[in-house]
Amino acid sequence: MTILLSKHLGRSVIFNQQGVKIGKLDDLVVSKETGKIISYIVKLTDTKSIISKLPKLEKGLIMVPFPFISFNNAKFYIFENEIAKFLEKSKEKQISYEDVK
């Protein structure tokens, strides 16, 4: 299956696993070498989401590493429980974004 991401950027809503809208897909970060998605840039609409604890970029955008978002049935879903685990480990062991690729 193929999709045109240009149809989704800035328009696609990102949901948590309970189906609650938490933000919109703003952009992607792609590896020059492999062409694989490294992370998603998200404009958060639900400030109570665990995602708000990830480092912020300019204009309040948040970079969410690739493994924490999936695309299924034409919707983007974020794994908040996995982000919570990542944040906890990063406090304990100084894990960085590089560790989740």
C-alpha atoms as a PDB file:
ATOM      1  CA  MET A   1       0.000   0.000   0.000  1.00  0.00           C
ATOM      2  CA  THR A   2       1.237   3.490  -0.785  1.00  0.00           C
ATOM      3  CA  ILE A   3       0.073   6.854   0.499  1.00  0.00           C
ATOM      4  CA  LEU A   4       0.828  10.454  -0.374  1.00  0.00           C
ATOM      5  CA  LEU A   5       1.982  12.100   2.806  1.00  0.00           C
ATOM      6  CA  SER A   6       1.332  15.535   1.329  1.00  0.00           C
ATOM      7  CA  LYS A   7      -2.368  14.752   1.781  1.00  0.00           C
ATOM      8  CA  HIS A   8      -1.811  14.178   5.499  1.00  0.00           C
ATOM      9  CA  LEU A   9       0.654  16.859   6.593  1.00  0.00           C
ATOM     10  CA  GLY A  10      -1.082  19.611   8.520  1.00  0.00           C
ATOM     11  CA  ARG A  11      -4.435  17.899   8.156  1.00  0.00           C
ATOM     12  CA  SER A  12      -4.144  14.469   9.672  1.00  0.00           C
ATOM     13  CA  VAL A  13      -5.296  14.142  13.225  1.00  0.00           C
ATOM     14  CA  ILE A  14      -3.285  12.007  15.613  1.00  0.00           C
ATOM     15  CA  PHE A  15      -5.219   9.929  18.109  1.00  0.00           C
ATOM     16  CA  ASN A  16      -4.158   8.159  21.267  1.00  0.00           C
ATOM     17  CA  GLN A  17      -4.943   4.469  21.671  1.00  0.00           C
ATOM     18  CA  GLN A  18      -8.321   5.316  23.213  1.00  0.00           C
ATOM     19  CA  GLY A  19      -9.299   7.224  20.062  1.00  0.00           C
ATOM     20  CA  VAL A  20      -8.996  10.700  21.611  1.00  0.00           C
ATOM     21  CA  LYS A  21      -7.667  13.441  19.317  1.00  0.00           C
ATOM     22  CA  ILE A  22      -4.371  14.758  20.699  1.00  0.00           C
ATOM     23  CA  GLY A  23      -2.785  16.649  17.823  1.00  0.00           C
ATOM     24  CA  LYS A  24      -2.084  17.036  14.124  1.00  0.00           C
ATOM     25  CA  LEU A  25       0.747  15.773  11.967  1.00  0.00           C
ATOM     26  CA  ASP A  26       2.788  18.807  10.945  1.00  0.00           C
ATOM     27  CA  ASP A  27       5.845  17.289   9.252  1.00  0.00           C
ATOM     28  CA  LEU A  28       8.197  14.321   9.062  1.00  0.00           C
ATOM     29  CA  VAL A  29      11.917  13.859   9.591  1.00  0.00           C
ATOM     30  CA  VAL A  30      13.347  11.407   7.049  1.00  0.00           C
ATOM     31  CA  SER A  31      16.838   9.904   6.863  1.00  0.00           C
ATOM     32  CA  LYS A  32      18.818  11.055   3.811  1.00  0.00           C
ATOM     33  CA  GLU A  33      20.675   7.755   3.736  1.00  0.00           C
ATOM     34  CA  THR A  34      17.808   5.289   4.045  1.00  0.00           C
ATOM     35  CA  GLY A  35      14.700   7.298   3.205  1.00  0.00           C
ATOM     36  CA  LYS A  36      13.046   5.931   6.358  1.00  0.00           C
ATOM     37  CA  ILE A  37      10.965   8.061   8.699  1.00  0.00           C
ATOM     38  CA  ILE A  38      12.951   8.990  11.801  1.00  0.00           C
ATOM     39  CA  SER A  39      10.314  11.012  13.607  1.00  0.00           C
ATOM     40  CA  TYR A  40       7.025  12.831  13.264  1.00  0.00           C
ATOM     41  CA  ILE A  41       6.573  16.515  14.010  1.00  0.00           C
ATOM     42  CA  VAL A  42       3.299  16.987  15.879  1.00  0.00           C
ATOM     43  CA  LYS A  43       1.275  20.064  16.737  1.00  0.00           C
ATOM     44  CA  LEU A  44      -0.275  19.094  20.046  1.00  0.00           C
ATOM     45  CA  THR A  45      -3.895  20.018  20.770  1.00  0.00           C
ATOM     46  CA  ASP A  46      -4.243  18.078  24.028  1.00  0.00           C
ATOM     47  CA  THR A  47      -1.771  19.604  26.491  1.00  0.00           C
ATOM     48  CA  LYS A  48      -2.618  16.933  29.086  1.00  0.00           C
ATOM     49  CA  SER A  49      -1.137  14.214  26.872  1.00  0.00           C
ATOM     50  CA  ILE A  50       2.155  12.603  27.925  1.00  0.00           C
ATOM     51  CA  ILE A  51       3.513  13.811  24.582  1.00  0.00           C
ATOM     52  CA  SER A  52       3.674  17.326  26.006  1.00  0.00           C
ATOM     53  CA  LYS A  53       6.613  16.099  28.119  1.00  0.00           C
ATOM     54  CA  LEU A  54       8.755  15.382  25.054  1.00  0.00           C
ATOM     55  CA  PRO A  55      11.210  18.123  24.020  1.00  0.00           C
ATOM     56  CA  LYS A  56       9.585  20.982  22.147  1.00  0.00           C
ATOM     57  CA  LEU A  57      10.772  22.469  18.886  1.00  0.00           C
ATOM     58  CA  GLU A  58      10.081  25.975  17.596  1.00  0.00           C
ATOM     59  CA  LYS A  59       6.452  27.134  17.545  1.00  0.00           C
ATOM     60  CA  GLY A  60       5.526  24.571  20.213  1.00  0.00           C
ATOM     61  CA  LEU A  61       5.875  21.625  17.843  1.00  0.00           C
ATOM     62  CA  ILE A  62       6.985  18.301  19.301  1.00  0.00           C
ATOM     63  CA  MET A  63       9.240  15.696  17.699  1.00  0.00           C
ATOM     64  CA  VAL A  64       7.879  12.203  18.307  1.00  0.00           C
ATOM     65  CA  PRO A  65      10.296   9.362  17.444  1.00  0.00           C
ATOM     66  CA  PHE A  66       9.103   6.956  14.731  1.00  0.00           C
ATOM     67  CA  PRO A  67       8.388   3.892  16.880  1.00  0.00           C
ATOM     68  CA  PHE A  68       5.768   5.761  18.913  1.00  0.00           C
ATOM     69  CA  ILE A  69       3.309   6.465  16.075  1.00  0.00           C
ATOM     70  CA  SER A  70       1.580   4.039  13.742  1.00  0.00           C
ATOM     71  CA  PHE A  71      -0.562   4.528  10.664  1.00  0.00           C
ATOM     72  CA  ASN A  72      -3.553   2.210  10.502  1.00  0.00           C
ATOM     73  CA  ASN A  73      -6.877   2.430   8.645  1.00  0.00           C
ATOM     74  CA  ALA A  74      -5.963   5.904   7.318  1.00  0.00           C
ATOM     75  CA  LYS A  75      -5.385   7.262  10.841  1.00  0.00           C
ATOM     76  CA  PHE A  76      -2.297   8.048  12.898  1.00  0.00           C
ATOM     77  CA  TYR A  77      -2.169   6.591  16.405  1.00  0.00           C
ATOM     78  CA  ILE A  78       0.340   7.381  19.119  1.00  0.00           C
ATOM     79  CA  PHE A  79       1.475   4.948  21.800  1.00  0.00           C
ATOM     80  CA  GLU A  80       1.341   7.121  24.922  1.00  0.00           C
ATOM     81  CA  ASN A  81       2.181   4.216  27.240  1.00  0.00           C
ATOM     82  CA  GLU A  82       5.411   3.596  25.293  1.00  0.00           C
ATOM     83  CA  ILE A  83       6.288   7.293  25.472  1.00  0.00           C
ATOM     84  CA  ALA A  84       5.763   7.211  29.242  1.00  0.00           C
ATOM     85  CA  LYS A  85       8.167   4.237  29.497  1.00  0.00           C
ATOM     86  CA  PHE A  86      10.702   6.043  27.292  1.00  0.00           C
ATOM     87  CA  LEU A  87      10.510   9.193  29.427  1.00  0.00           C
ATOM     88  CA  GLU A  88      10.965   7.187  32.615  1.00  0.00           C
ATOM     89  CA  LYS A  89      14.011   5.364  31.214  1.00  0.00           C
ATOM     90  CA  SER A  90      15.465   8.596  29.894  1.00  0.00           C
ATOM     91  CA  LYS A  91      15.380  10.054  33.418  1.00  0.00           C
ATOM     92  CA  GLU A  92      17.114   7.021  34.858  1.00  0.00           C
ATOM     93  CA  LYS A  93      19.722   6.304  32.207  1.00  0.00           C
ATOM     94  CA  GLN A  94      20.012   9.421  30.052  1.00  0.00           C
ATOM     95  CA  ILE A  95      18.437   7.734  27.006  1.00  0.00           C
ATOM     96  CA  SER A  96      18.130   9.959  23.962  1.00  0.00           C
ATOM     97  CA  TYR A  97      16.082   9.973  20.764  1.00  0.00           C
ATOM     98  CA  GLU A  98      18.949   8.133  19.079  1.00  0.00           C
ATOM     99  CA  ASP A  99      18.256   5.132  21.307  1.00  0.00           C
ATOM    100  CA  VAL A 100      14.743   4.542  19.911  1.00  0.00           C
ATOM    101  CA  LYS A 101      15.587   4.261  16.214  1.00  0.00           C
END
